[in-house]
Amino acid sequence: MCKQVQQQPSKESVRNWLRARQEQKGPPPDGQQIRRELGWGLVRPLRRR
């Protein structure tokens, strides 16, 4: 049985994203869009043989 684990972006990538986002005008994107842009999602771990 494979469990899915949460993959989190590095702190540095989040900081870079926030800096770039602050330069843009308009409301912030929804949570789903933020996770997509940062590559933050569920991934399947590699199976050990």
N, C-alpha and C. Protein backbone atom coordinates (compact mmCIF):
# COMPACT_ATOMS: atom_id res chain seq x y z
N MET A 1 0.84 -1.17 0.00
CA MET A 1 0.00 0.00 0.00
C MET A 1 0.89 1.24 0.00
N CYS A 2 0.64 2.17 -0.90
CA CYS A 2 1.41 3.41 -0.99
C CYS A 2 0.62 4.53 -0.35
N LYS A 3 1.27 5.23 0.57
CA LYS A 3 0.65 6.41 1.16
C LYS A 3 1.07 7.62 0.35
N GLN A 4 0.20 8.60 0.28
CA GLN A 4 0.57 9.86 -0.36
C GLN A 4 1.11 10.78 0.72
N VAL A 5 2.14 11.50 0.39
CA VAL A 5 2.74 12.44 1.34
C VAL A 5 2.64 13.85 0.78
N GLN A 6 2.61 14.81 1.69
CA GLN A 6 2.52 16.20 1.30
C GLN A 6 3.91 16.71 0.93
N GLN A 7 4.05 17.23 -0.25
CA GLN A 7 5.31 17.81 -0.68
C GLN A 7 5.22 19.31 -0.49
N GLN A 8 6.15 19.87 0.29
CA GLN A 8 6.12 21.30 0.55
C GLN A 8 7.25 21.98 -0.18
N PRO A 9 6.99 23.20 -0.67
CA PRO A 9 8.05 23.95 -1.33
C PRO A 9 9.05 24.45 -0.29
N SER A 10 10.24 24.76 -0.72
CA SER A 10 11.25 25.27 0.21
C SER A 10 10.86 26.68 0.65
N LYS A 11 11.39 27.10 1.79
CA LYS A 11 11.11 28.45 2.28
C LYS A 11 11.61 29.50 1.29
N GLU A 12 12.75 29.20 0.67
CA GLU A 12 13.31 30.14 -0.30
C GLU A 12 12.38 30.31 -1.50
N SER A 13 11.81 29.22 -2.01
CA SER A 13 10.90 29.34 -3.16
C SER A 13 9.63 30.09 -2.78
N VAL A 14 9.15 29.91 -1.55
CA VAL A 14 7.96 30.65 -1.10
C VAL A 14 8.28 32.14 -1.00
N ARG A 15 9.44 32.47 -0.45
CA ARG A 15 9.83 33.88 -0.35
C ARG A 15 9.96 34.52 -1.72
N ASN A 16 10.58 33.80 -2.65
CA ASN A 16 10.71 34.32 -4.02
C ASN A 16 9.35 34.53 -4.66
N TRP A 17 8.44 33.58 -4.45
CA TRP A 17 7.09 33.69 -5.01
C TRP A 17 6.38 34.90 -4.42
N LEU A 18 6.52 35.09 -3.09
CA LEU A 18 5.86 36.22 -2.43
C LEU A 18 6.39 37.55 -2.96
N ARG A 19 7.72 37.64 -3.14
CA ARG A 19 8.30 38.87 -3.69
C ARG A 19 7.74 39.17 -5.07
N ALA A 20 7.71 38.16 -5.92
CA ALA A 20 7.19 38.35 -7.28
C ALA A 20 5.70 38.70 -7.24
N ARG A 21 4.97 38.07 -6.34
CA ARG A 21 3.52 38.30 -6.23
C ARG A 21 3.23 39.72 -5.75
N GLN A 22 4.05 40.28 -4.88
CA GLN A 22 3.83 41.63 -4.36
C GLN A 22 3.96 42.68 -5.45
N GLU A 23 4.73 42.37 -6.49
CA GLU A 23 4.91 43.31 -7.59
C GLU A 23 3.70 43.35 -8.53
N GLN A 24 2.86 42.32 -8.47
CA GLN A 24 1.69 42.26 -9.35
C GLN A 24 0.53 43.02 -8.72
N LYS A 25 -0.30 43.56 -9.57
CA LYS A 25 -1.50 44.27 -9.12
C LYS A 25 -2.66 43.29 -9.05
N GLY A 26 -3.65 43.60 -8.26
CA GLY A 26 -4.85 42.78 -8.20
C GLY A 26 -4.90 41.90 -6.97
N PRO A 27 -6.02 41.23 -6.82
CA PRO A 27 -6.20 40.36 -5.64
C PRO A 27 -5.32 39.12 -5.73
N PRO A 28 -5.02 38.53 -4.58
CA PRO A 28 -4.20 37.30 -4.60
C PRO A 28 -4.98 36.15 -5.22
N PRO A 29 -4.27 35.19 -5.80
CA PRO A 29 -4.95 34.02 -6.38
C PRO A 29 -5.51 33.13 -5.27
N ASP A 30 -6.39 32.23 -5.64
CA ASP A 30 -6.95 31.30 -4.66
C ASP A 30 -5.89 30.29 -4.22
N GLY A 31 -6.16 29.57 -3.16
CA GLY A 31 -5.22 28.62 -2.59
C GLY A 31 -4.76 27.55 -3.57
N GLN A 32 -5.67 27.05 -4.39
CA GLN A 32 -5.32 26.03 -5.38
C GLN A 32 -4.26 26.56 -6.36
N GLN A 33 -4.45 27.79 -6.82
CA GLN A 33 -3.51 28.39 -7.78
C GLN A 33 -2.14 28.59 -7.13
N ILE A 34 -2.13 29.04 -5.89
CA ILE A 34 -0.86 29.24 -5.17
C ILE A 34 -0.12 27.92 -5.05
N ARG A 35 -0.81 26.86 -4.66
CA ARG A 35 -0.17 25.55 -4.53
C ARG A 35 0.37 25.05 -5.88
N ARG A 36 -0.39 25.29 -6.96
CA ARG A 36 0.08 24.89 -8.29
C ARG A 36 1.35 25.64 -8.67
N GLU A 37 1.36 26.96 -8.44
CA GLU A 37 2.52 27.78 -8.81
C GLU A 37 3.77 27.40 -8.02
N LEU A 38 3.57 26.97 -6.78
CA LEU A 38 4.71 26.59 -5.94
C LEU A 38 5.06 25.11 -6.04
N GLY A 39 4.25 24.35 -6.78
CA GLY A 39 4.52 22.92 -6.90
C GLY A 39 4.25 22.18 -5.59
N TRP A 40 3.29 22.68 -4.83
CA TRP A 40 2.97 22.12 -3.52
C TRP A 40 1.75 21.23 -3.67
N GLY A 41 1.93 19.94 -3.55
CA GLY A 41 0.80 19.04 -3.72
C GLY A 41 1.11 17.67 -3.18
N LEU A 42 0.22 16.77 -3.44
CA LEU A 42 0.42 15.40 -3.00
C LEU A 42 1.23 14.63 -4.02
N VAL A 43 2.19 13.90 -3.55
CA VAL A 43 3.01 13.06 -4.42
C VAL A 43 3.06 11.66 -3.84
N ARG A 44 3.26 10.70 -4.70
CA ARG A 44 3.40 9.31 -4.24
C ARG A 44 4.87 9.03 -3.99
N PRO A 45 5.18 8.47 -2.84
CA PRO A 45 6.58 8.14 -2.56
C PRO A 45 7.05 6.97 -3.45
N LEU A 46 8.35 6.90 -3.67
CA LEU A 46 8.90 5.80 -4.44
C LEU A 46 8.75 4.51 -3.66
N ARG A 47 8.43 3.45 -4.35
CA ARG A 47 8.31 2.13 -3.71
C ARG A 47 9.68 1.53 -3.52
N ARG A 48 9.91 0.96 -2.37
CA ARG A 48 11.15 0.25 -2.12
C ARG A 48 10.97 -1.19 -2.50
N ARG A 49 11.97 -1.75 -3.12
CA ARG A 49 11.86 -3.15 -3.55
C ARG A 49 12.67 -4.03 -2.64
